Amino acid sequence: MTASERRITTPVIVLVGPTAIGKTALSLRLAEQFGCEIISMDSMQVYRRMDIGTAKVTPEEQAQVAHHLIDIRDPDEQYDAASFVRDCLDSIEAIAGRGRIPLITGGTGLYLSSLIHGLFTEIQVDESVREQVKQRLHQQGRAALYAELMEVDPASAQRIHPNDTQRLIRGLEIYQASGIPWSEHLRRQRQGAKDYSFDQLLLVGLTTEREKLYQRIGLRTEIMMESGLIEEVRGLLAMGYHGGLSSMQAIGYRHAVGYIQGLYNREQAVETLIRDTRRYAKRQMTWFKQYEQMRWYRVDSPDEVVRELSSALETAAGKQDND
C-alpha cells in the first residue's frame, strides 16, 4: 500500500443478488441489526422522478434508514462507474466517521467490479477495426461471432450475453486489434488500478430457485404496472426526457415508452418486460458469481445471514482493537 492510498478500516458489507430477489427487505433488516447506513449500488436509482420502474425504496423506508446515492441526478444527466466509485468511497468514509457500518446494496455488477478491482483505462481501437467487426456481424450473425469470442476469449464470452451486441463487438475488436483477449487486458489493469483498499469487505449474495425468481419478477412487473409505471413515464416524456436518453432505455422505461408510442399493447409490454428482466437477472448472476469471496445465501434464510455477519463483524472488531 502506498502512502497516499485511502485505507478503509471499517468493515463494509455488500449485499447483491438478481433483480426482484428481495435485497431491499434484507438490507433494511441488516441496517437495523448492525447500525448500518445504506449505499445504493443501482445505476437507475440515482435518477430523480424514476421511482416505480426502478423499484426505488419508499420515502418511509428512507426515513427508517439513511440511504445514499439515491435521487442525485436528473434523467438527462450522465452517471457512470467512475462517478459511483467516487461517490461510494466518499459515502463510506462519511458513514464510518459517524461510527456506523456502510452497507452497499444493489444489482449493478459493473459498479461492484469497478469498486473492487478499480477503474480501467479505455482500450483504444482503430475505427476501421470496429467497422470490420460490425460488417462481419451483419454478414455472419451474432451466433457465429459469439462462437469466435468463446474460442479466443472464453472468460469474456462467459460474462457477455450472446445477444449483447455492443460488448460482443467490443470483445472481438480488442482481440483483433491487439492480439490479447479483453479479459487479459482487464486482468493486467487490475494491478495497481486502485488508490484505496478495504481491510474487510463482506460480500453477501442472495439466491433462490430459478422458477421462484421468475415468479417474483412476474409479480413485481404487475405491481409496477398497477402502481403507475406508464403514468410515470408519460410524466417524464412530458417534462422533455425523451425515449432516446440512456436512463429511458433502461428495463421498464423503454417498454413503457414502446407502449405509449403504440409499438405494442399492454399485454405485449408486460410480456416483453418480464422476458427482458429475466434475461437481465441471468446476466447479473454471471457478474456476481465471479467473486470467490462471495458468500451465497438463500433469500428465505435471512437468519443465517444475520448470524454469520454478526460473527464476522465481531471478529473484525477484535482485530481493530488489537491494531
C-alpha atoms as a PDB file:
ATOM      1  CA  MET A   1       0.000   0.000   0.000  1.00  0.00           C
ATOM      2  CA  THR A   2       1.340   3.421  -0.961  1.00  0.00           C
ATOM      3  CA  ALA A   3       1.493   6.312   1.464  1.00  0.00           C
ATOM      4  CA  SER A   4      -1.241   8.153  -0.453  1.00  0.00           C
ATOM      5  CA  GLU A   5      -3.651   5.205  -0.541  1.00  0.00           C
ATOM      6  CA  ARG A   6      -7.022   5.587   1.168  1.00  0.00           C
ATOM      7  CA  ARG A   7      -7.303   2.764   3.673  1.00  0.00           C
ATOM      8  CA  ILE A   8     -10.842   1.919   4.741  1.00  0.00           C
ATOM      9  CA  THR A   9     -10.519   0.199   8.094  1.00  0.00           C
ATOM     10  CA  THR A  10     -14.197  -0.129   8.979  1.00  0.00           C
ATOM     11  CA  PRO A  11     -15.944  -3.319   7.765  1.00  0.00           C
ATOM     12  CA  VAL A  12     -18.055  -2.770   4.664  1.00  0.00           C
ATOM     13  CA  ILE A  13     -20.990  -5.070   3.894  1.00  0.00           C
ATOM     14  CA  VAL A  14     -22.003  -5.616   0.260  1.00  0.00           C
ATOM     15  CA  LEU A  15     -25.387  -7.248  -0.427  1.00  0.00           C
ATOM     16  CA  VAL A  16     -26.077  -8.314  -4.017  1.00  0.00           C
ATOM     17  CA  GLY A  17     -28.376 -10.557  -5.990  1.00  0.00           C
ATOM     18  CA  PRO A  18     -30.545 -10.548  -9.104  1.00  0.00           C
ATOM     19  CA  THR A  19     -33.354  -8.075  -9.556  1.00  0.00           C
ATOM     20  CA  ALA A  20     -36.575  -8.734  -7.592  1.00  0.00           C
ATOM     21  CA  ILE A  21     -34.987 -11.307  -5.262  1.00  0.00           C
ATOM     22  CA  GLY A  22     -35.584  -9.297  -2.093  1.00  0.00           C
ATOM     23  CA  LYS A  23     -32.438  -7.273  -1.400  1.00  0.00           C
ATOM     24  CA  THR A  24     -34.325  -4.254  -0.057  1.00  0.00           C
ATOM     25  CA  ALA A  25     -36.128  -6.122   2.722  1.00  0.00           C
ATOM     26  CA  LEU A  26     -32.941  -7.811   3.911  1.00  0.00           C
ATOM     27  CA  SER A  27     -30.900  -4.615   3.681  1.00  0.00           C
ATOM     28  CA  LEU A  28     -33.355  -2.841   5.986  1.00  0.00           C
ATOM     29  CA  ARG A  29     -33.139  -5.681   8.496  1.00  0.00           C
ATOM     30  CA  LEU A  30     -29.335  -5.724   8.388  1.00  0.00           C
ATOM     31  CA  ALA A  31     -29.211  -1.944   8.776  1.00  0.00           C
ATOM     32  CA  GLU A  32     -31.371  -2.117  11.884  1.00  0.00           C
ATOM     33  CA  GLN A  33     -29.480  -5.088  13.289  1.00  0.00           C
ATOM     34  CA  PHE A  34     -25.957  -3.751  12.827  1.00  0.00           C
ATOM     35  CA  GLY A  35     -26.345   0.022  12.812  1.00  0.00           C
ATOM     36  CA  CYS A  36     -25.775   0.486   9.065  1.00  0.00           C
ATOM     37  CA  GLU A  37     -26.401   3.245   6.585  1.00  0.00           C
ATOM     38  CA  ILE A  38     -27.252   2.022   3.099  1.00  0.00           C
ATOM     39  CA  ILE A  39     -25.405   2.972  -0.093  1.00  0.00           C
ATOM     40  CA  SER A  40     -27.352   2.210  -3.264  1.00  0.00           C
ATOM     41  CA  MET A  41     -25.410   0.328  -5.946  1.00  0.00           C
ATOM     42  CA  ASP A  42     -28.122   0.741  -8.565  1.00  0.00           C
ATOM     43  CA  SER A  43     -27.369   2.600 -11.782  1.00  0.00           C
ATOM     44  CA  MET A  44     -31.013   3.679 -12.155  1.00  0.00           C
ATOM     45  CA  GLN A  45     -31.974   4.675  -8.627  1.00  0.00           C
ATOM     46  CA  VAL A  46     -29.624   7.645  -8.904  1.00  0.00           C
ATOM     47  CA  TYR A  47     -32.251   9.348 -11.105  1.00  0.00           C
ATOM     48  CA  ARG A  48     -34.914  11.628  -9.688  1.00  0.00           C
ATOM     49  CA  ARG A  49     -38.555  11.040 -10.670  1.00  0.00           C
ATOM     50  CA  MET A  50     -37.773   7.483 -11.817  1.00  0.00           C
ATOM     51  CA  ASP A  51     -39.248   5.625  -8.864  1.00  0.00           C
ATOM     52  CA  ILE A  52     -41.671   2.912  -9.923  1.00  0.00           C
ATOM     53  CA  GLY A  53     -39.639   1.360 -12.725  1.00  0.00           C
ATOM     54  CA  THR A  54     -36.506   1.239 -10.558  1.00  0.00           C
ATOM     55  CA  ALA A  55     -38.303  -0.310  -7.551  1.00  0.00           C
ATOM     56  CA  LYS A  56     -36.798   2.522  -5.535  1.00  0.00           C
ATOM     57  CA  VAL A  57     -37.001   2.390  -1.761  1.00  0.00           C
ATOM     58  CA  THR A  58     -40.004   4.313  -0.494  1.00  0.00           C
ATOM     59  CA  PRO A  59     -39.789   7.607   1.443  1.00  0.00           C
ATOM     60  CA  GLU A  60     -40.890   5.659   4.535  1.00  0.00           C
ATOM     61  CA  GLU A  61     -38.013   3.169   4.085  1.00  0.00           C
ATOM     62  CA  GLN A  62     -35.561   6.015   3.551  1.00  0.00           C
ATOM     63  CA  ALA A  63     -36.832   7.612   6.750  1.00  0.00           C
ATOM     64  CA  GLN A  64     -36.267   4.339   8.589  1.00  0.00           C
ATOM     65  CA  VAL A  65     -32.620   4.027   7.481  1.00  0.00           C
ATOM     66  CA  ALA A  66     -30.311   6.635   5.946  1.00  0.00           C
ATOM     67  CA  HIS A  67     -29.780   5.926   2.233  1.00  0.00           C
ATOM     68  CA  HIS A  68     -27.110   7.349  -0.057  1.00  0.00           C
ATOM     69  CA  LEU A  69     -26.723   7.727  -3.863  1.00  0.00           C
ATOM     70  CA  ILE A  70     -30.462   7.850  -4.488  1.00  0.00           C
ATOM     71  CA  ASP A  71     -32.079  10.770  -6.370  1.00  0.00           C
ATOM     72  CA  ILE A  72     -28.769  12.518  -7.081  1.00  0.00           C
ATOM     73  CA  ARG A  73     -29.132  13.056 -10.855  1.00  0.00           C
ATOM     74  CA  ASP A  74     -31.811  14.178 -13.300  1.00  0.00           C
ATOM     75  CA  PRO A  75     -32.715  11.642 -16.020  1.00  0.00           C
ATOM     76  CA  ASP A  76     -30.792  13.543 -18.703  1.00  0.00           C
ATOM     77  CA  GLU A  77     -27.574  13.717 -16.665  1.00  0.00           C
ATOM     78  CA  GLN A  78     -24.729  11.235 -17.029  1.00  0.00           C
ATOM     79  CA  TYR A  79     -23.777   8.830 -14.262  1.00  0.00           C
ATOM     80  CA  ASP A  80     -21.203   6.083 -14.712  1.00  0.00           C
ATOM     81  CA  ALA A  81     -18.971   3.638 -12.859  1.00  0.00           C
ATOM     82  CA  ALA A  82     -16.334   6.289 -12.167  1.00  0.00           C
ATOM     83  CA  SER A  83     -18.975   8.544 -10.602  1.00  0.00           C
ATOM     84  CA  PHE A  84     -20.229   5.663  -8.490  1.00  0.00           C
ATOM     85  CA  VAL A  85     -16.782   4.700  -7.172  1.00  0.00           C
ATOM     86  CA  ARG A  86     -16.024   8.313  -6.225  1.00  0.00           C
ATOM     87  CA  ASP A  87     -19.392   8.866  -4.530  1.00  0.00           C
ATOM     88  CA  CYS A  88     -19.392   5.452  -2.872  1.00  0.00           C
ATOM     89  CA  LEU A  89     -15.965   5.948  -1.295  1.00  0.00           C
ATOM     90  CA  ASP A  90     -16.979   9.384  -0.019  1.00  0.00           C
ATOM     91  CA  SER A  91     -20.171   7.904   1.453  1.00  0.00           C
ATOM     92  CA  ILE A  92     -18.282   5.026   3.084  1.00  0.00           C
ATOM     93  CA  GLU A  93     -15.882   7.399   4.809  1.00  0.00           C
ATOM     94  CA  ALA A  94     -18.693   9.702   5.956  1.00  0.00           C
ATOM     95  CA  ILE A  95     -20.703   6.766   7.365  1.00  0.00           C
ATOM     96  CA  ALA A  96     -17.645   5.314   9.117  1.00  0.00           C
ATOM     97  CA  GLY A  97     -16.935   8.773  10.547  1.00  0.00           C
ATOM     98  CA  ARG A  98     -20.324   8.639  12.262  1.00  0.00           C
ATOM     99  CA  GLY A  99     -19.416   5.304  13.826  1.00  0.00           C
ATOM    100  CA  ARG A 100     -21.817   3.343  11.646  1.00  0.00           C
ATOM    101  CA  ILE A 101     -21.299   0.484   9.188  1.00  0.00           C
ATOM    102  CA  PRO A 102     -21.617   1.051   5.417  1.00  0.00           C
ATOM    103  CA  LEU A 103     -23.971  -1.397   3.704  1.00  0.00           C
ATOM    104  CA  ILE A 104     -23.736  -1.311  -0.089  1.00  0.00           C
ATOM    105  CA  THR A 105     -26.642  -2.980  -1.858  1.00  0.00           C
ATOM    106  CA  GLY A 106     -27.865  -3.218  -5.428  1.00  0.00           C
ATOM    107  CA  GLY A 107     -27.618  -5.176  -8.622  1.00  0.00           C
ATOM    108  CA  THR A 108     -25.302  -3.223 -10.922  1.00  0.00           C
ATOM    109  CA  GLY A 109     -22.446  -5.652 -11.485  1.00  0.00           C
ATOM    110  CA  LEU A 110     -20.204  -3.163 -13.280  1.00  0.00           C
ATOM    111  CA  TYR A 111     -20.290  -0.845 -10.277  1.00  0.00           C
ATOM    112  CA  LEU A 112     -19.214  -3.632  -7.911  1.00  0.00           C
ATOM    113  CA  SER A 113     -16.441  -4.731 -10.249  1.00  0.00           C
ATOM    114  CA  SER A 114     -15.174  -1.157 -10.535  1.00  0.00           C
ATOM    115  CA  LEU A 115     -15.239  -0.698  -6.755  1.00  0.00           C
ATOM    116  CA  ILE A 116     -13.353  -3.937  -6.033  1.00  0.00           C
ATOM    117  CA  HIS A 117     -10.926  -4.058  -8.950  1.00  0.00           C
ATOM    118  CA  GLY A 118     -10.585  -0.380  -9.787  1.00  0.00           C
ATOM    119  CA  LEU A 119     -11.475   1.582 -12.892  1.00  0.00           C
ATOM    120  CA  PHE A 120      -9.874   0.585 -16.158  1.00  0.00           C
ATOM    121  CA  THR A 121      -8.216   2.726 -18.779  1.00  0.00           C
ATOM    122  CA  GLU A 122     -10.145   2.715 -22.033  1.00  0.00           C
ATOM    123  CA  ILE A 123      -8.594   0.374 -24.598  1.00  0.00           C
ATOM    124  CA  GLN A 124      -8.180   2.264 -27.860  1.00  0.00           C
ATOM    125  CA  VAL A 125      -9.201   0.518 -31.104  1.00  0.00           C
ATOM    126  CA  ASP A 126      -8.936   1.954 -34.609  1.00  0.00           C
ATOM    127  CA  GLU A 127     -12.311   2.752 -36.144  1.00  0.00           C
ATOM    128  CA  SER A 128     -11.537   0.603 -39.193  1.00  0.00           C
ATOM    129  CA  VAL A 129     -11.215  -2.477 -36.973  1.00  0.00           C
ATOM    130  CA  ARG A 130     -14.564  -1.756 -35.346  1.00  0.00           C
ATOM    131  CA  GLU A 131     -16.264  -1.307 -38.700  1.00  0.00           C
ATOM    132  CA  GLN A 132     -14.804  -4.591 -39.927  1.00  0.00           C
ATOM    133  CA  VAL A 133     -16.243  -6.456 -36.935  1.00  0.00           C
ATOM    134  CA  LYS A 134     -19.620  -4.752 -37.431  1.00  0.00           C
ATOM    135  CA  GLN A 135     -19.637  -5.795 -41.072  1.00  0.00           C
ATOM    136  CA  ARG A 136     -18.920  -9.394 -40.106  1.00  0.00           C
ATOM    137  CA  LEU A 137     -21.727  -9.223 -37.569  1.00  0.00           C
ATOM    138  CA  HIS A 138     -24.105  -8.126 -40.311  1.00  0.00           C
ATOM    139  CA  GLN A 139     -22.942 -10.873 -42.678  1.00  0.00           C
ATOM    140  CA  GLN A 140     -22.450 -13.807 -40.288  1.00  0.00           C
ATOM    141  CA  GLY A 141     -24.769 -13.048 -37.392  1.00  0.00           C
ATOM    142  CA  ARG A 142     -24.318 -12.908 -33.637  1.00  0.00           C
ATOM    143  CA  ALA A 143     -24.086 -16.664 -33.109  1.00  0.00           C
ATOM    144  CA  ALA A 144     -21.017 -17.018 -35.330  1.00  0.00           C
ATOM    145  CA  LEU A 145     -19.206 -14.099 -33.710  1.00  0.00           C
ATOM    146  CA  TYR A 146     -20.106 -15.278 -30.218  1.00  0.00           C
ATOM    147  CA  ALA A 147     -18.659 -18.712 -31.035  1.00  0.00           C
ATOM    148  CA  GLU A 148     -15.456 -16.997 -32.176  1.00  0.00           C
ATOM    149  CA  LEU A 149     -15.282 -14.951 -28.966  1.00  0.00           C
ATOM    150  CA  MET A 150     -15.725 -18.155 -26.987  1.00  0.00           C
ATOM    151  CA  GLU A 151     -12.637 -19.530 -28.728  1.00  0.00           C
ATOM    152  CA  VAL A 152     -10.327 -16.515 -28.416  1.00  0.00           C
ATOM    153  CA  ASP A 153     -11.572 -15.111 -25.097  1.00  0.00           C
ATOM    154  CA  PRO A 154     -13.748 -17.596 -23.178  1.00  0.00           C
ATOM    155  CA  ALA A 155     -13.549 -15.546 -19.964  1.00  0.00           C
ATOM    156  CA  SER A 156     -15.173 -12.553 -21.663  1.00  0.00           C
ATOM    157  CA  ALA A 157     -17.666 -14.753 -23.516  1.00  0.00           C
ATOM    158  CA  GLN A 158     -18.895 -16.198 -20.229  1.00  0.00           C
ATOM    159  CA  ARG A 159     -19.748 -12.765 -18.832  1.00  0.00           C
ATOM    160  CA  ILE A 160     -21.288 -11.416 -22.062  1.00  0.00           C
ATOM    161  CA  HIS A 161     -24.804 -12.407 -23.099  1.00  0.00           C
ATOM    162  CA  PRO A 162     -24.901 -13.754 -26.693  1.00  0.00           C
ATOM    163  CA  ASN A 163     -27.411 -11.027 -27.569  1.00  0.00           C
ATOM    164  CA  ASP A 164     -25.316  -8.209 -26.094  1.00  0.00           C
ATOM    165  CA  THR A 165     -24.143  -6.914 -29.467  1.00  0.00           C
ATOM    166  CA  GLN A 166     -22.208  -3.931 -28.095  1.00  0.00           C
ATOM    167  CA  ARG A 167     -19.976  -5.983 -25.792  1.00  0.00           C
ATOM    168  CA  LEU A 168     -19.668  -8.791 -28.332  1.00  0.00           C
ATOM    169  CA  ILE A 169     -18.232  -6.325 -30.847  1.00  0.00           C
ATOM    170  CA  ARG A 170     -16.029  -4.830 -28.144  1.00  0.00           C
ATOM    171  CA  GLY A 171     -14.528  -8.177 -27.193  1.00  0.00           C
ATOM    172  CA  LEU A 172     -13.697  -9.134 -30.761  1.00  0.00           C
ATOM    173  CA  GLU A 173     -12.366  -5.739 -31.814  1.00  0.00           C
ATOM    174  CA  ILE A 174      -9.984  -5.620 -28.843  1.00  0.00           C
ATOM    175  CA  TYR A 175      -8.648  -9.091 -29.632  1.00  0.00           C
ATOM    176  CA  GLN A 176      -8.357  -8.311 -33.349  1.00  0.00           C
ATOM    177  CA  ALA A 177      -6.582  -5.002 -32.717  1.00  0.00           C
ATOM    178  CA  SER A 178      -4.147  -6.184 -30.044  1.00  0.00           C
ATOM    179  CA  GLY A 179      -3.972  -9.976 -30.234  1.00  0.00           C
ATOM    180  CA  ILE A 180      -4.690 -10.001 -26.486  1.00  0.00           C
ATOM    181  CA  PRO A 181      -8.094 -11.027 -25.039  1.00  0.00           C
ATOM    182  CA  TRP A 182     -10.187  -8.324 -23.422  1.00  0.00           C
ATOM    183  CA  SER A 183     -10.218 -10.313 -20.172  1.00  0.00           C
ATOM    184  CA  GLU A 184      -6.421 -10.317 -20.125  1.00  0.00           C
ATOM    185  CA  HIS A 185      -6.305  -6.542 -20.662  1.00  0.00           C
ATOM    186  CA  LEU A 186      -8.600  -6.143 -17.660  1.00  0.00           C
ATOM    187  CA  ARG A 187      -6.547  -8.544 -15.537  1.00  0.00           C
ATOM    188  CA  ARG A 188      -3.371  -6.578 -16.223  1.00  0.00           C
ATOM    189  CA  GLN A 189      -5.030  -3.262 -15.468  1.00  0.00           C
ATOM    190  CA  ARG A 190      -6.244  -4.518 -12.107  1.00  0.00           C
ATOM    191  CA  GLN A 191      -2.686  -4.469 -10.861  1.00  0.00           C
ATOM    192  CA  GLY A 192      -2.208  -1.027  -9.345  1.00  0.00           C
ATOM    193  CA  ALA A 193      -5.591   0.160 -10.606  1.00  0.00           C
ATOM    194  CA  LYS A 194      -6.776   1.463  -7.225  1.00  0.00           C
ATOM    195  CA  ASP A 195      -5.558   4.103  -4.782  1.00  0.00           C
ATOM    196  CA  TYR A 196      -7.715   2.753  -1.946  1.00  0.00           C
ATOM    197  CA  SER A 197      -8.088  -0.506  -0.041  1.00  0.00           C
ATOM    198  CA  PHE A 198     -10.587  -2.244   2.212  1.00  0.00           C
ATOM    199  CA  ASP A 199      -9.496  -4.007   5.393  1.00  0.00           C
ATOM    200  CA  GLN A 200     -12.664  -6.092   5.366  1.00  0.00           C
ATOM    201  CA  LEU A 201     -15.205  -6.326   2.566  1.00  0.00           C
ATOM    202  CA  LEU A 202     -18.024  -8.740   3.432  1.00  0.00           C
ATOM    203  CA  LEU A 203     -19.721  -9.917   0.225  1.00  0.00           C
ATOM    204  CA  VAL A 204     -23.205 -11.407   0.635  1.00  0.00           C
ATOM    205  CA  GLY A 205     -25.137 -12.837  -2.314  1.00  0.00           C
ATOM    206  CA  LEU A 206     -28.813 -13.824  -2.364  1.00  0.00           C
ATOM    207  CA  THR A 207     -30.077 -16.699  -4.456  1.00  0.00           C
ATOM    208  CA  THR A 208     -33.164 -18.853  -4.974  1.00  0.00           C
ATOM    209  CA  GLU A 209     -34.542 -21.374  -7.432  1.00  0.00           C
ATOM    210  CA  ARG A 210     -34.954 -20.019 -10.949  1.00  0.00           C
ATOM    211  CA  GLU A 211     -38.709 -20.601 -11.039  1.00  0.00           C
ATOM    212  CA  LYS A 212     -39.206 -18.781  -7.740  1.00  0.00           C
ATOM    213  CA  LEU A 213     -37.161 -15.849  -9.026  1.00  0.00           C
ATOM    214  CA  TYR A 214     -39.201 -15.793 -12.231  1.00  0.00           C
ATOM    215  CA  GLN A 215     -42.400 -15.723 -10.158  1.00  0.00           C
ATOM    216  CA  ARG A 216     -41.048 -12.773  -8.174  1.00  0.00           C
ATOM    217  CA  ILE A 217     -40.126 -10.964 -11.406  1.00  0.00           C
ATOM    218  CA  GLY A 218     -43.629 -11.530 -12.788  1.00  0.00           C
ATOM    219  CA  LEU A 219     -45.242 -10.284  -9.594  1.00  0.00           C
ATOM    220  CA  ARG A 220     -43.008  -7.206  -9.430  1.00  0.00           C
ATOM    221  CA  THR A 221     -43.789  -6.379 -13.059  1.00  0.00           C
ATOM    222  CA  GLU A 222     -47.545  -6.485 -12.422  1.00  0.00           C
ATOM    223  CA  ILE A 223     -47.123  -4.357  -9.286  1.00  0.00           C
ATOM    224  CA  MET A 224     -45.123  -1.783 -11.248  1.00  0.00           C
ATOM    225  CA  MET A 225     -47.788  -1.579 -13.938  1.00  0.00           C
ATOM    226  CA  GLU A 226     -50.611  -1.319 -11.383  1.00  0.00           C
ATOM    227  CA  SER A 227     -48.647   1.285  -9.399  1.00  0.00           C
ATOM    228  CA  GLY A 228     -48.474   3.613 -12.389  1.00  0.00           C
ATOM    229  CA  LEU A 229     -45.312   2.870 -14.393  1.00  0.00           C
ATOM    230  CA  ILE A 230     -46.968   4.036 -17.621  1.00  0.00           C
ATOM    231  CA  GLU A 231     -48.127   7.250 -15.973  1.00  0.00           C
ATOM    232  CA  GLU A 232     -44.649   7.826 -14.513  1.00  0.00           C
ATOM    233  CA  VAL A 233     -43.104   7.527 -17.973  1.00  0.00           C
ATOM    234  CA  ARG A 234     -45.774   9.751 -19.549  1.00  0.00           C
ATOM    235  CA  GLY A 235     -44.833  12.393 -16.995  1.00  0.00           C
ATOM    236  CA  LEU A 236     -41.126  12.078 -17.797  1.00  0.00           C
ATOM    237  CA  LEU A 237     -41.812  12.402 -21.529  1.00  0.00           C
ATOM    238  CA  ALA A 238     -43.979  15.462 -20.871  1.00  0.00           C
ATOM    239  CA  MET A 239     -41.062  17.030 -18.988  1.00  0.00           C
ATOM    240  CA  GLY A 240     -38.861  16.614 -22.065  1.00  0.00           C
ATOM    241  CA  TYR A 241     -36.961  13.470 -21.071  1.00  0.00           C
ATOM    242  CA  HIS A 242     -37.157  11.717 -24.440  1.00  0.00           C
ATOM    243  CA  GLY A 243     -37.022   7.986 -25.014  1.00  0.00           C
ATOM    244  CA  GLY A 244     -33.525   8.103 -26.504  1.00  0.00           C
ATOM    245  CA  LEU A 245     -31.862   9.006 -23.183  1.00  0.00           C
ATOM    246  CA  SER A 246     -29.737   6.296 -21.591  1.00  0.00           C
ATOM    247  CA  SER A 247     -31.924   6.422 -18.486  1.00  0.00           C
ATOM    248  CA  MET A 248     -35.074   5.977 -20.574  1.00  0.00           C
ATOM    249  CA  GLN A 249     -33.582   2.970 -22.349  1.00  0.00           C
ATOM    250  CA  ALA A 250     -33.437   1.030 -19.076  1.00  0.00           C
ATOM    251  CA  ILE A 251     -35.588  -2.018 -18.428  1.00  0.00           C
ATOM    252  CA  GLY A 252     -39.143  -0.959 -17.738  1.00  0.00           C
ATOM    253  CA  TYR A 253     -38.777   2.513 -19.154  1.00  0.00           C
ATOM    254  CA  ARG A 254     -38.133   1.539 -22.759  1.00  0.00           C
ATOM    255  CA  HIS A 255     -41.031  -0.903 -22.541  1.00  0.00           C
ATOM    256  CA  ALA A 256     -43.348   1.803 -21.224  1.00  0.00           C
ATOM    257  CA  VAL A 257     -42.162   4.175 -23.961  1.00  0.00           C
ATOM    258  CA  GLY A 258     -42.897   1.481 -26.546  1.00  0.00           C
ATOM    259  CA  TYR A 259     -46.409   1.057 -25.170  1.00  0.00           C
ATOM    260  CA  ILE A 260     -47.036   4.813 -25.155  1.00  0.00           C
ATOM    261  CA  GLN A 261     -45.782   5.083 -28.736  1.00  0.00           C
ATOM    262  CA  GLY A 262     -48.084   2.259 -29.827  1.00  0.00           C
ATOM    263  CA  LEU A 263     -45.392  -0.284 -30.623  1.00  0.00           C
ATOM    264  CA  TYR A 264     -47.291  -2.887 -28.606  1.00  0.00           C
ATOM    265  CA  ASN A 265     -50.315  -3.241 -26.343  1.00  0.00           C
ATOM    266  CA  ARG A 266     -50.298  -3.591 -22.557  1.00  0.00           C
ATOM    267  CA  GLU A 267     -50.127  -7.384 -22.607  1.00  0.00           C
ATOM    268  CA  GLN A 268     -47.201  -7.342 -25.037  1.00  0.00           C
ATOM    269  CA  ALA A 269     -45.431  -4.678 -22.975  1.00  0.00           C
ATOM    270  CA  VAL A 270     -45.764  -6.792 -19.822  1.00  0.00           C
ATOM    271  CA  GLU A 271     -44.621  -9.985 -21.555  1.00  0.00           C
ATOM    272  CA  THR A 272     -41.585  -8.271 -23.089  1.00  0.00           C
ATOM    273  CA  LEU A 273     -40.703  -6.578 -19.820  1.00  0.00           C
ATOM    274  CA  ILE A 274     -40.849  -9.885 -17.930  1.00  0.00           C
ATOM    275  CA  ARG A 275     -38.734 -11.604 -20.592  1.00  0.00           C
ATOM    276  CA  ASP A 276     -36.068  -8.897 -20.591  1.00  0.00           C
ATOM    277  CA  THR A 277     -35.997  -8.734 -16.792  1.00  0.00           C
ATOM    278  CA  ARG A 278     -35.389 -12.487 -16.627  1.00  0.00           C
ATOM    279  CA  ARG A 279     -32.501 -12.138 -19.071  1.00  0.00           C
ATOM    280  CA  TYR A 280     -31.080  -9.278 -17.047  1.00  0.00           C
ATOM    281  CA  ALA A 281     -31.259 -11.351 -13.862  1.00  0.00           C
ATOM    282  CA  LYS A 282     -29.237 -14.105 -15.554  1.00  0.00           C
ATOM    283  CA  ARG A 283     -26.570 -11.590 -16.584  1.00  0.00           C
ATOM    284  CA  GLN A 284     -26.455 -10.221 -13.037  1.00  0.00           C
ATOM    285  CA  MET A 285     -25.749 -13.681 -11.631  1.00  0.00           C
ATOM    286  CA  THR A 286     -22.937 -14.131 -14.160  1.00  0.00           C
ATOM    287  CA  TRP A 287     -21.356 -10.911 -12.883  1.00  0.00           C
ATOM    288  CA  PHE A 288     -21.675 -11.817  -9.219  1.00  0.00           C
ATOM    289  CA  LYS A 289     -20.510 -15.423  -9.482  1.00  0.00           C
ATOM    290  CA  GLN A 290     -17.005 -14.279 -10.393  1.00  0.00           C
ATOM    291  CA  TYR A 291     -16.201 -13.359  -6.773  1.00  0.00           C
ATOM    292  CA  GLU A 292     -14.689 -16.272  -4.884  1.00  0.00           C
ATOM    293  CA  GLN A 293     -15.098 -14.411  -1.576  1.00  0.00           C
ATOM    294  CA  MET A 294     -18.871 -14.048  -2.082  1.00  0.00           C
ATOM    295  CA  ARG A 295     -20.925 -15.960   0.491  1.00  0.00           C
ATOM    296  CA  TRP A 296     -24.201 -17.148  -1.005  1.00  0.00           C
ATOM    297  CA  TYR A 297     -27.426 -17.496   0.984  1.00  0.00           C
ATOM    298  CA  ARG A 298     -30.959 -18.474   0.104  1.00  0.00           C
ATOM    299  CA  VAL A 299     -33.266 -15.487   0.243  1.00  0.00           C
ATOM    300  CA  ASP A 300     -35.563 -17.411   2.596  1.00  0.00           C
ATOM    301  CA  SER A 301     -32.734 -17.821   5.159  1.00  0.00           C
ATOM    302  CA  PRO A 302     -32.224 -14.264   6.482  1.00  0.00           C
ATOM    303  CA  ASP A 303     -31.446 -15.507   9.998  1.00  0.00           C
ATOM    304  CA  GLU A 304     -28.383 -17.317   8.650  1.00  0.00           C
ATOM    305  CA  VAL A 305     -27.163 -14.114   7.004  1.00  0.00           C
ATOM    306  CA  VAL A 306     -27.598 -12.175  10.255  1.00  0.00           C
ATOM    307  CA  ARG A 307     -25.865 -14.862  12.306  1.00  0.00           C
ATOM    308  CA  GLU A 308     -22.806 -15.158  10.059  1.00  0.00           C
ATOM    309  CA  LEU A 309     -22.453 -11.406   9.553  1.00  0.00           C
ATOM    310  CA  SER A 310     -22.669 -10.899  13.299  1.00  0.00           C
ATOM    311  CA  SER A 311     -19.777 -13.330  13.763  1.00  0.00           C
ATOM    312  CA  ALA A 312     -17.721 -11.674  11.007  1.00  0.00           C
ATOM    313  CA  LEU A 313     -18.279  -8.209  12.441  1.00  0.00           C
ATOM    314  CA  GLU A 314     -17.293  -9.356  15.927  1.00  0.00           C
ATOM    315  CA  THR A 315     -14.083 -10.799  14.501  1.00  0.00           C
ATOM    316  CA  ALA A 316     -13.400  -7.537  12.650  1.00  0.00           C
ATOM    317  CA  ALA A 317     -13.956  -5.525  15.829  1.00  0.00           C
ATOM    318  CA  GLY A 318     -11.479  -7.744  17.678  1.00  0.00           C
ATOM    319  CA  LYS A 319      -8.858  -7.199  15.008  1.00  0.00           C
ATOM    320  CA  GLN A 320      -9.335  -3.426  15.142  1.00  0.00           C
ATOM    321  CA  ASP A 321      -8.922  -3.453  18.926  1.00  0.00           C
ATOM    322  CA  ASN A 322      -5.624  -5.327  18.568  1.00  0.00           C
ATOM    323  CA  ASP A 323      -4.248  -2.994  15.869  1.00  0.00           C
END
